[in-house]
C-alpha atoms as a PDB file:
ATOM      1  CA  UNK A   1     137.893  74.979 238.121  1.00  0.00           C
ATOM      2  CA  UNK A   2     138.756  71.300 238.585  1.00  0.00           C
ATOM      3  CA  UNK A   3     141.276  72.251 241.282  1.00  0.00           C
ATOM      4  CA  UNK A   4     138.480  73.715 243.406  1.00  0.00           C
ATOM      5  CA  UNK A   5     136.457  70.536 243.007  1.00  0.00           C
ATOM      6  CA  UNK A   6     139.442  68.420 244.053  1.00  0.00           C
ATOM      7  CA  UNK A   7     140.061  70.592 247.117  1.00  0.00           C
ATOM      8  CA  UNK A   8     136.381  70.402 248.044  1.00  0.00           C
ATOM      9  CA  UNK A   9     136.448  66.604 247.683  1.00  0.00           C
ATOM     10  CA  UNK A  10     139.617  66.478 249.829  1.00  0.00           C
ATOM     11  CA  UNK A  11     137.773  68.376 252.547  1.00  0.00           C
ATOM     12  CA  UNK A  12     134.702  66.157 252.354  1.00  0.00           C
ATOM     13  CA  UNK A  13     136.613  62.880 252.485  1.00  0.00           C
ATOM     14  CA  UNK A  14     138.887  64.174 255.250  1.00  0.00           C
ATOM     15  CA  UNK A  15     135.828  65.125 257.285  1.00  0.00           C
ATOM     16  CA  UNK A  16     134.461  61.634 256.625  1.00  0.00           C
ATOM     17  CA  UNK A  17     137.696  60.124 257.945  1.00  0.00           C
ATOM     18  CA  UNK A  18     137.416  62.166 261.122  1.00  0.00           C
ATOM     19  CA  UNK A  19     133.819  61.059 261.619  1.00  0.00           C
ATOM     20  CA  UNK A  20     134.827  57.424 261.140  1.00  0.00           C
ATOM     21  CA  UNK A  21     137.638  57.847 263.654  1.00  0.00           C
ATOM     22  CA  UNK A  22     135.105  59.245 266.120  1.00  0.00           C
ATOM     23  CA  UNK A  23     132.880  56.223 265.499  1.00  0.00           C
ATOM     24  CA  UNK A  24     135.762  53.802 266.058  1.00  0.00           C
ATOM     25  CA  UNK A  25     136.651  55.381 269.392  1.00  0.00           C
ATOM     26  CA  UNK A  26     133.139  55.844 270.783  1.00  0.00           C
ATOM     27  CA  UNK A  27     131.095  53.025 269.173  1.00  0.00           C
ATOM     28  CA  UNK A  28     129.212  50.699 271.471  1.00  0.00           C
ATOM     29  CA  UNK A  29     129.584  47.468 269.505  1.00  0.00           C
ATOM     30  CA  UNK A  30     132.261  45.654 267.576  1.00  0.00           C
ATOM     31  CA  UNK A  31     130.141  45.576 264.416  1.00  0.00           C
ATOM     32  CA  UNK A  32     129.915  49.362 264.379  1.00  0.00           C
ATOM     33  CA  UNK A  33     133.691  49.615 264.696  1.00  0.00           C
ATOM     34  CA  UNK A  34     134.283  47.160 261.856  1.00  0.00           C
ATOM     35  CA  UNK A  35     131.884  49.075 259.645  1.00  0.00           C
ATOM     36  CA  UNK A  36     133.666  52.344 260.495  1.00  0.00           C
ATOM     37  CA  UNK A  37     137.034  50.761 259.646  1.00  0.00           C
ATOM     38  CA  UNK A  38     135.704  49.571 256.306  1.00  0.00           C
ATOM     39  CA  UNK A  39     134.361  53.031 255.554  1.00  0.00           C
ATOM     40  CA  UNK A  40     137.744  54.514 256.503  1.00  0.00           C
ATOM     41  CA  UNK A  41     139.379  52.271 253.916  1.00  0.00           C
ATOM     42  CA  UNK A  42     136.960  53.546 251.278  1.00  0.00           C
ATOM     43  CA  UNK A  43     137.682  57.156 252.231  1.00  0.00           C
ATOM     44  CA  UNK A  44     141.441  56.533 252.076  1.00  0.00           C
ATOM     45  CA  UNK A  45     141.060  55.039 248.603  1.00  0.00           C
ATOM     46  CA  UNK A  46     139.153  58.133 247.509  1.00  0.00           C
ATOM     47  CA  UNK A  47     141.834  60.413 248.965  1.00  0.00           C
ATOM     48  CA  UNK A  48     144.574  58.481 247.183  1.00  0.00           C
ATOM     49  CA  UNK A  49     142.741  58.735 243.868  1.00  0.00           C
ATOM     50  CA  UNK A  50     142.204  62.458 244.369  1.00  0.00           C
ATOM     51  CA  UNK A  51     145.868  62.945 245.233  1.00  0.00           C
ATOM     52  CA  UNK A  52     146.812  60.987 242.111  1.00  0.00           C
ATOM     53  CA  UNK A  53     144.605  63.266 240.019  1.00  0.00           C
ATOM     54  CA  UNK A  54     146.188  66.323 241.562  1.00  0.00           C
ATOM     55  CA  UNK A  55     149.757  65.037 241.175  1.00  0.00           C
ATOM     56  CA  UNK A  56     149.159  63.698 237.665  1.00  0.00           C
ATOM     57  CA  UNK A  57     150.708  60.285 238.246  1.00  0.00           C
ATOM     58  CA  UNK A  58     149.317  56.760 238.092  1.00  0.00           C
ATOM     59  CA  UNK A  59     151.323  55.451 241.033  1.00  0.00           C
ATOM     60  CA  UNK A  60     148.615  56.479 243.503  1.00  0.00           C
ATOM     61  CA  UNK A  61     145.951  54.602 241.537  1.00  0.00           C
ATOM     62  CA  UNK A  62     147.934  51.378 241.905  1.00  0.00           C
ATOM     63  CA  UNK A  63     148.355  52.038 245.623  1.00  0.00           C
ATOM     64  CA  UNK A  64     144.589  52.591 245.865  1.00  0.00           C
ATOM     65  CA  UNK A  65     143.972  49.201 244.226  1.00  0.00           C
ATOM     66  CA  UNK A  66     146.290  47.463 246.680  1.00  0.00           C
ATOM     67  CA  UNK A  67     144.608  49.153 249.643  1.00  0.00           C
ATOM     68  CA  UNK A  68     141.192  48.169 248.235  1.00  0.00           C
ATOM     69  CA  UNK A  69     142.226  44.522 248.107  1.00  0.00           C
ATOM     70  CA  UNK A  70     143.651  44.635 251.629  1.00  0.00           C
ATOM     71  CA  UNK A  71     140.527  46.382 252.904  1.00  0.00           C
ATOM     72  CA  UNK A  72     138.281  43.721 251.423  1.00  0.00           C
ATOM     73  CA  UNK A  73     140.326  40.887 252.915  1.00  0.00           C
ATOM     74  CA  UNK A  74     140.463  42.543 256.331  1.00  0.00           C
ATOM     75  CA  UNK A  75     136.700  43.140 256.352  1.00  0.00           C
ATOM     76  CA  UNK A  76     136.051  39.499 255.509  1.00  0.00           C
ATOM     77  CA  UNK A  77     138.494  38.410 258.231  1.00  0.00           C
ATOM     78  CA  UNK A  78     136.808  40.649 260.812  1.00  0.00           C
ATOM     79  CA  UNK A  79     133.366  39.355 259.861  1.00  0.00           C
ATOM     80  CA  UNK A  80     134.532  35.774 260.058  1.00  0.00           C
ATOM     81  CA  UNK A  81     136.138  36.404 263.439  1.00  0.00           C
ATOM     82  CA  UNK A  82     132.912  37.938 264.748  1.00  0.00           C
ATOM     83  CA  UNK A  83     130.818  35.003 263.530  1.00  0.00           C
ATOM     84  CA  UNK A  84     133.060  32.052 264.390  1.00  0.00           C
ATOM     85  CA  UNK A  85     135.693  33.300 266.824  1.00  0.00           C
ATOM     86  CA  UNK A  86     138.591  32.210 264.618  1.00  0.00           C
ATOM     87  CA  UNK A  87     139.845  33.264 261.223  1.00  0.00           C
ATOM     88  CA  UNK A  88     141.741  30.236 259.931  1.00  0.00           C
ATOM     89  CA  UNK A  89     140.314  26.763 260.418  1.00  0.00           C
END
């Protein structure tokens, strides 16, 4: 039964990734694109965790943590670039 739930979650998060990709390509503003990129990072983390559950290994959970940290830093850098025009002062 849990396998069906994992496959359903894979489908939902994959569909979310496709919708975010659509938003990145066809968004009108930079803020919308940054928000879509941040949401893509969250969906990728969820897919990695689901794949780790399916494979039965903890390696994917560690990779998800690393991607979460990189996603946070990149979102902060994008926001700072949009507000100030530079990242490092």
